[in-house]
Amino acid sequence: MPRPLWTGAISFGLVTIPIKVVSATEDHAIRFHQVHLEDMGRVRTRKICSIDDEVVPQEEIGKGYELTKDELVTVTDEELDEMPLPTAKAIEIVAFVDADSIDPIRISDSYYLAIDGQIAAKPYTLLRKALERSDKVAVAKFAWHNRERLGLLRVRDDAIVLHAMRWPDEIRSPDSLKPRDIDLDDEEIERAVQLTDTMALDDISGFRDEYRDALEELIEAKAEGTELPEPAEGEERETGKVVDLMAALNASVKAARESRGEHSGQDATVHTMQPRKKTPAKKKAATARKTTTKTTAGKRTAKKTTTKKTAAGKKRNAS
């Protein structure tokens, strides 16, 4: 089990469940050190006092709150731990709600809650069963890292997961980001819906971090002194270019179907039908007269040609 990040208890009505908080995720990002390129020496971050320009050891560093530009109030870790806060060492469940009522934008980091001792096994299982049977999630409050937080408890594979949540006033309004009203054809919307259906998946566990894979290949090649990997060939897309939206949707649906081994049917392409322009009656009459004149002229030409051929034939026979 990973190292516990926090220990405390879940307060479930009058039930107390001793728990340990462990991270539910892992960071597999490749990290770099800052180095001096001339001699490859490590460049480190040093904590310097702004008054005497001396390096300050960690044990002499404390917390200070700035009241004014020239006045600070120091607060110790012991004072923070002794604050009269009910959630200081407890995850206090305050409500049960439907999972669909929680906006995903409010969910932050995730943690597993593990029992802290065998005595917690029964109440832990009780809470898990209650969440499963009620088909709800629990909203809780807890204090962590010098602030009170809002959390969400749900069940995942027989374990209780704590999702840290943002407070409502921490979510910015998107009103200023909304685009102006745009006119869209129903065919374009239906085509976009068809694209979502074509790209729909039941499982996304197969996706990989391709950037990290490429970065590992680059580091390995440089470490071994071999040739660097060739850049992947990809289709370059011009940004800011006005495109035919329907053509782009048709091409996207076709590409999505081909990637899944499907063959596009006759309905794979959507064409916007333009209404026929009615030809004025006078224009139709003029066109008809012109066609008749051409036909008559053609007949006359054909008659002259026939007469010439007959005359020539008679002359040869007389000879």
Protein backbone atom coordinates (compact mmCIF):
# COMPACT_ATOMS: atom_id res chain seq x y z
CA MET A 1 0.00 0.00 0.00
CA PRO A 2 1.30 3.53 -0.76
CA ARG A 3 2.39 5.72 2.13
CA PRO A 4 -0.65 7.28 3.87
CA LEU A 5 -1.04 10.99 3.18
CA TRP A 6 -3.41 11.64 6.08
CA THR A 7 -4.97 9.68 8.93
CA GLY A 8 -8.25 10.38 10.64
CA ALA A 9 -11.79 9.04 10.59
CA ILE A 10 -15.02 9.15 8.62
CA SER A 11 -17.85 10.63 10.66
CA PHE A 12 -21.01 8.88 9.49
CA GLY A 13 -23.82 10.10 11.74
CA LEU A 14 -22.88 8.56 15.09
CA VAL A 15 -20.59 6.05 13.40
CA THR A 16 -16.82 6.68 13.37
CA ILE A 17 -14.61 4.83 10.88
CA PRO A 18 -10.83 5.12 11.39
CA ILE A 19 -9.22 5.47 7.96
CA LYS A 20 -5.98 6.20 6.14
CA VAL A 21 -5.95 8.37 3.03
CA VAL A 22 -3.75 7.07 0.19
CA SER A 23 -3.40 8.50 -3.29
CA ALA A 24 -5.64 6.84 -5.88
CA THR A 25 -3.47 7.95 -8.80
CA GLU A 26 0.19 7.83 -9.85
CA ASP A 27 2.18 10.42 -11.75
CA HIS A 28 4.22 8.75 -14.50
CA ALA A 29 5.47 11.98 -16.03
CA ILE A 30 9.19 12.10 -16.94
CA ARG A 31 10.91 14.83 -14.96
CA PHE A 32 14.10 16.76 -15.70
CA HIS A 33 16.69 18.45 -13.49
CA GLN A 34 17.98 21.92 -14.19
CA VAL A 35 21.69 21.68 -15.07
CA HIS A 36 24.55 24.00 -15.97
CA LEU A 37 25.21 23.13 -19.64
CA GLU A 38 28.95 23.95 -19.45
CA ASP A 39 29.80 21.39 -16.75
CA MET A 40 26.47 19.54 -16.21
CA GLY A 41 26.35 20.62 -12.58
CA ARG A 42 22.92 20.55 -10.91
CA VAL A 43 21.20 23.91 -10.51
CA ARG A 44 19.31 23.84 -7.22
CA THR A 45 16.71 26.12 -5.70
CA ARG A 46 18.00 27.73 -2.52
CA LYS A 47 15.82 29.48 0.07
CA ILE A 48 17.41 32.85 0.79
CA CYS A 49 16.32 35.36 3.42
CA SER A 50 15.47 38.70 1.78
CA ILE A 51 17.02 40.67 4.69
CA ASP A 52 20.42 39.09 5.32
CA ASP A 53 20.80 37.18 2.02
CA GLU A 54 21.64 34.02 3.95
CA VAL A 55 20.43 30.48 3.14
CA VAL A 56 17.68 29.52 5.62
CA PRO A 57 17.47 25.88 6.83
CA GLN A 58 14.06 24.20 6.72
CA GLU A 59 13.66 24.09 10.50
CA GLU A 60 13.85 27.89 10.65
CA ILE A 61 11.14 28.45 8.03
CA GLY A 62 7.62 29.19 9.26
CA LYS A 63 4.31 30.50 7.95
CA GLY A 64 3.49 34.19 7.84
CA TYR A 65 0.30 35.99 6.84
CA GLU A 66 0.69 39.46 5.36
CA LEU A 67 -1.62 41.93 7.12
CA THR A 68 -0.04 44.91 5.41
CA LYS A 69 3.01 45.42 3.23
CA ASP A 70 5.19 45.90 6.33
CA GLU A 71 3.39 43.69 8.88
CA LEU A 72 3.31 39.89 9.07
CA VAL A 73 1.62 37.53 11.53
CA THR A 74 3.31 34.17 12.06
CA VAL A 75 1.27 30.98 12.57
CA THR A 76 2.83 27.68 13.68
CA ASP A 77 1.85 24.18 12.61
CA GLU A 78 0.90 23.39 16.22
CA GLU A 79 -1.53 26.32 16.28
CA LEU A 80 -3.12 25.11 13.05
CA ASP A 81 -3.49 21.58 14.41
CA GLU A 82 -5.18 22.84 17.59
CA MET A 83 -7.81 24.94 15.81
CA PRO A 84 -11.35 24.16 17.15
CA LEU A 85 -12.57 22.70 13.84
CA PRO A 86 -14.85 19.60 13.79
CA THR A 87 -13.31 18.43 10.52
CA ALA A 88 -9.69 18.80 11.69
CA LYS A 89 -9.18 15.03 11.93
CA ALA A 90 -12.43 13.74 10.46
CA ILE A 91 -14.14 13.45 7.12
CA GLU A 92 -17.61 14.54 8.17
CA ILE A 93 -20.41 13.38 5.87
CA VAL A 94 -22.99 16.15 5.64
CA ALA A 95 -25.34 14.91 2.88
CA PHE A 96 -26.13 12.16 0.38
CA VAL A 97 -26.94 13.17 -3.21
CA ASP A 98 -27.38 11.63 -6.66
CA ALA A 99 -24.08 11.31 -8.51
CA ASP A 100 -25.53 13.03 -11.58
CA SER A 101 -26.16 16.19 -9.54
CA ILE A 102 -22.41 16.82 -9.12
CA ASP A 103 -20.80 18.93 -11.83
CA PRO A 104 -17.56 17.12 -12.87
CA ILE A 105 -15.73 20.48 -13.07
CA ARG A 106 -15.82 20.62 -9.27
CA ILE A 107 -13.99 17.31 -8.81
CA SER A 108 -10.24 17.53 -8.16
CA ASP A 109 -7.75 14.94 -6.85
CA SER A 110 -8.82 11.41 -5.89
CA TYR A 111 -7.81 9.28 -2.90
CA TYR A 112 -8.59 5.80 -1.61
CA LEU A 113 -9.82 5.48 1.97
CA ALA A 114 -8.34 2.40 3.65
CA ILE A 115 -9.31 1.08 7.07
CA ASP A 116 -6.98 1.98 9.93
CA GLY A 117 -7.12 -1.21 12.00
CA GLN A 118 -9.49 -4.18 11.94
CA ILE A 119 -11.95 -2.36 14.18
CA ALA A 120 -12.85 -0.15 11.22
CA ALA A 121 -13.70 -3.07 8.90
CA LYS A 122 -17.38 -3.43 9.87
CA PRO A 123 -18.42 0.26 9.82
CA TYR A 124 -16.39 0.75 6.62
CA THR A 125 -18.25 -2.10 4.93
CA LEU A 126 -21.54 -0.75 6.28
CA LEU A 127 -20.96 2.65 4.65
CA ARG A 128 -19.87 1.03 1.38
CA LYS A 129 -22.98 -1.17 1.27
CA ALA A 130 -25.22 1.80 2.08
CA LEU A 131 -23.73 3.83 -0.77
CA GLU A 132 -24.11 0.92 -3.19
CA ARG A 133 -27.70 0.12 -2.25
CA SER A 134 -28.89 3.73 -2.19
CA ASP A 135 -27.13 4.46 -5.49
CA LYS A 136 -25.97 7.78 -4.07
CA VAL A 137 -22.70 9.52 -3.23
CA ALA A 138 -21.78 11.20 0.03
CA VAL A 139 -20.82 14.88 0.32
CA ALA A 140 -18.33 15.49 3.15
CA LYS A 141 -16.24 18.23 4.72
CA PHE A 142 -12.66 17.76 5.90
CA ALA A 143 -9.64 19.89 6.83
CA TRP A 144 -6.40 19.24 5.01
CA HIS A 145 -3.30 21.29 4.16
CA ASN A 146 -4.41 24.21 6.32
CA ARG A 147 -7.85 24.65 4.81
CA GLU A 148 -11.30 23.11 5.03
CA ARG A 149 -12.29 21.24 1.91
CA LEU A 150 -15.38 19.74 0.37
CA GLY A 151 -15.26 16.11 -0.67
CA LEU A 152 -17.23 13.43 -2.46
CA LEU A 153 -17.29 9.79 -1.31
CA ARG A 154 -18.24 7.01 -3.71
CA VAL A 155 -17.58 3.29 -4.16
CA ARG A 156 -15.08 1.85 -6.63
CA ASP A 157 -14.28 -1.88 -6.69
CA ASP A 158 -15.28 -2.47 -3.05
CA ALA A 159 -13.24 0.53 -1.89
CA ILE A 160 -14.42 3.98 -0.83
CA VAL A 161 -12.91 6.81 -2.86
CA LEU A 162 -12.60 10.40 -1.68
CA HIS A 163 -12.71 13.03 -4.43
CA ALA A 164 -11.58 16.46 -3.31
CA MET A 165 -14.02 19.10 -4.58
CA ARG A 166 -13.90 22.80 -5.19
CA TRP A 167 -16.23 25.15 -3.40
CA PRO A 168 -18.98 26.74 -5.53
CA ASP A 169 -17.30 30.17 -5.44
CA GLU A 170 -14.10 28.64 -6.87
CA ILE A 171 -15.76 27.84 -10.20
CA ARG A 172 -15.55 30.66 -12.72
CA SER A 173 -18.54 31.52 -14.85
CA PRO A 174 -18.16 30.73 -18.58
CA ASP A 175 -20.60 33.45 -19.65
CA SER A 176 -17.87 35.70 -21.02
CA LEU A 177 -16.45 32.80 -23.07
CA LYS A 178 -19.62 31.82 -24.90
CA PRO A 179 -19.52 32.41 -28.68
CA ARG A 180 -22.14 34.58 -30.28
CA ASP A 181 -25.25 32.93 -31.72
CA ILE A 182 -24.39 30.87 -34.78
CA ASP A 183 -26.85 29.57 -37.38
CA LEU A 184 -26.50 25.83 -37.96
CA ASP A 185 -28.41 23.59 -40.33
CA ASP A 186 -30.18 20.57 -38.90
CA GLU A 187 -28.17 18.41 -41.33
CA GLU A 188 -24.91 19.67 -39.82
CA ILE A 189 -26.10 18.91 -36.30
CA GLU A 190 -27.34 15.45 -37.30
CA ARG A 191 -24.02 14.74 -39.01
CA ALA A 192 -22.13 15.79 -35.88
CA VAL A 193 -24.33 13.45 -33.81
CA GLN A 194 -23.59 10.66 -36.27
CA LEU A 195 -19.88 11.33 -35.80
CA THR A 196 -20.24 10.99 -32.01
CA ASP A 197 -22.05 7.68 -32.51
CA THR A 198 -19.32 6.44 -34.85
CA MET A 199 -16.57 7.39 -32.36
CA ALA A 200 -18.41 6.04 -29.29
CA LEU A 201 -16.47 3.61 -27.07
CA ASP A 202 -17.47 1.51 -24.08
CA ASP A 203 -13.92 1.31 -22.71
CA ILE A 204 -11.13 3.90 -22.87
CA SER A 205 -8.55 1.90 -20.93
CA GLY A 206 -6.53 1.28 -24.09
CA PHE A 207 -5.34 4.86 -24.49
CA ARG A 208 -1.62 5.50 -23.82
CA ASP A 209 0.56 8.50 -23.15
CA GLU A 210 2.29 8.57 -26.55
CA TYR A 211 4.25 11.70 -25.66
CA ARG A 212 5.88 9.91 -22.72
CA ASP A 213 6.69 6.89 -24.93
CA ALA A 214 8.35 9.16 -27.49
CA LEU A 215 10.24 11.00 -24.75
CA GLU A 216 11.57 7.71 -23.34
CA GLU A 217 12.80 6.74 -26.83
CA LEU A 218 14.53 10.11 -27.17
CA ILE A 219 16.26 9.79 -23.77
CA GLU A 220 17.33 6.20 -24.49
CA ALA A 221 18.77 7.16 -27.88
CA LYS A 222 20.75 10.07 -26.41
CA ALA A 223 22.02 7.92 -23.52
CA GLU A 224 23.22 5.19 -25.91
CA GLY A 225 24.56 7.64 -28.50
CA THR A 226 22.39 6.23 -31.27
CA GLU A 227 20.45 8.05 -33.97
CA LEU A 228 17.51 10.07 -32.70
CA PRO A 229 14.03 8.81 -33.58
CA GLU A 230 12.52 10.21 -36.75
CA PRO A 231 9.62 12.61 -36.21
CA ALA A 232 6.24 11.07 -36.84
CA GLU A 233 4.64 12.01 -40.12
CA GLY A 234 1.26 13.56 -39.62
CA GLU A 235 -1.20 15.61 -41.52
CA GLU A 236 -0.57 19.29 -41.04
CA ARG A 237 -3.66 21.31 -40.31
CA GLU A 238 -3.90 24.95 -41.13
CA THR A 239 -5.26 26.95 -38.25
CA GLY A 240 -7.64 29.79 -38.81
CA LYS A 241 -8.64 28.48 -42.23
CA VAL A 242 -12.33 28.59 -43.13
CA VAL A 243 -13.48 25.08 -44.03
CA ASP A 244 -16.61 23.54 -45.46
CA LEU A 245 -18.21 22.30 -42.25
CA MET A 246 -20.34 19.62 -43.89
CA ALA A 247 -17.39 18.33 -45.93
CA ALA A 248 -15.28 18.15 -42.77
CA LEU A 249 -18.02 16.23 -40.95
CA ASN A 250 -18.41 13.79 -43.86
CA ALA A 251 -14.66 13.20 -43.97
CA SER A 252 -14.54 12.72 -40.20
CA VAL A 253 -17.34 10.14 -40.21
CA LYS A 254 -15.66 8.27 -43.08
CA ALA A 255 -12.27 8.27 -41.32
CA ALA A 256 -13.83 7.11 -38.04
CA ARG A 257 -15.60 4.24 -39.78
CA GLU A 258 -12.46 3.18 -41.62
CA SER A 259 -10.45 3.22 -38.39
CA ARG A 260 -12.98 0.78 -36.91
CA GLY A 261 -12.93 -1.45 -39.98
CA GLU A 262 -16.40 -0.41 -41.09
CA HIS A 263 -17.43 0.26 -44.67
CA SER A 264 -19.34 3.41 -45.32
CA GLY A 265 -22.79 2.88 -46.77
CA GLN A 266 -24.65 4.92 -49.30
CA ASP A 267 -25.72 7.34 -46.62
CA ALA A 268 -22.13 8.18 -45.69
CA THR A 269 -22.20 11.47 -47.55
CA VAL A 270 -24.67 14.24 -46.94
CA HIS A 271 -25.23 16.85 -49.61
CA THR A 272 -27.13 20.00 -48.92
CA MET A 273 -29.86 20.23 -51.56
CA GLN A 274 -30.28 23.64 -53.09
CA PRO A 275 -33.82 24.62 -54.26
CA ARG A 276 -34.26 24.74 -58.05
CA LYS A 277 -34.51 28.16 -59.59
CA LYS A 278 -37.70 28.60 -61.62
CA THR A 279 -37.09 29.68 -65.23
CA PRO A 280 -39.29 32.60 -66.29
CA ALA A 281 -42.02 31.81 -68.85
CA LYS A 282 -40.61 34.27 -71.43
CA LYS A 283 -37.18 32.71 -71.13
CA LYS A 284 -38.66 29.23 -71.65
CA ALA A 285 -40.56 30.42 -74.77
CA ALA A 286 -37.46 32.07 -76.22
CA THR A 287 -35.46 28.92 -75.58
CA ALA A 288 -38.15 26.83 -77.29
CA ARG A 289 -38.17 29.13 -80.36
CA LYS A 290 -34.40 29.03 -80.57
CA THR A 291 -34.43 25.22 -80.42
CA THR A 292 -37.10 25.04 -83.15
CA THR A 293 -35.11 27.40 -85.40
CA LYS A 294 -31.98 25.30 -84.96
CA THR A 295 -33.94 22.14 -85.79
CA THR A 296 -35.46 23.70 -88.94
CA ALA A 297 -32.07 24.95 -90.06
CA GLY A 298 -30.66 21.50 -89.53
CA LYS A 299 -33.39 19.98 -91.69
CA ARG A 300 -32.69 22.48 -94.50
CA THR A 301 -28.98 21.72 -94.39
CA ALA A 302 -29.69 18.01 -94.55
CA LYS A 303 -32.07 18.52 -97.57
CA LYS A 304 -29.43 20.53 -99.50
CA THR A 305 -26.83 17.87 -98.82
CA THR A 306 -29.17 15.15 -100.11
CA THR A 307 -29.98 17.11 -103.31
CA LYS A 308 -26.25 17.64 -104.07
CA LYS A 309 -25.52 13.94 -103.59
CA THR A 310 -28.42 12.97 -105.95
CA ALA A 311 -27.26 15.37 -108.69
CA ALA A 312 -23.73 14.10 -108.49
CA GLY A 313 -24.95 10.52 -108.78
CA LYS A 314 -26.97 11.26 -111.92
CA LYS A 315 -23.98 12.97 -113.57
CA ARG A 316 -21.74 9.93 -112.99
CA ASN A 317 -24.39 7.62 -114.45
CA ALA A 318 -24.69 9.78 -117.60
CA SER A 319 -20.96 9.54 -118.15
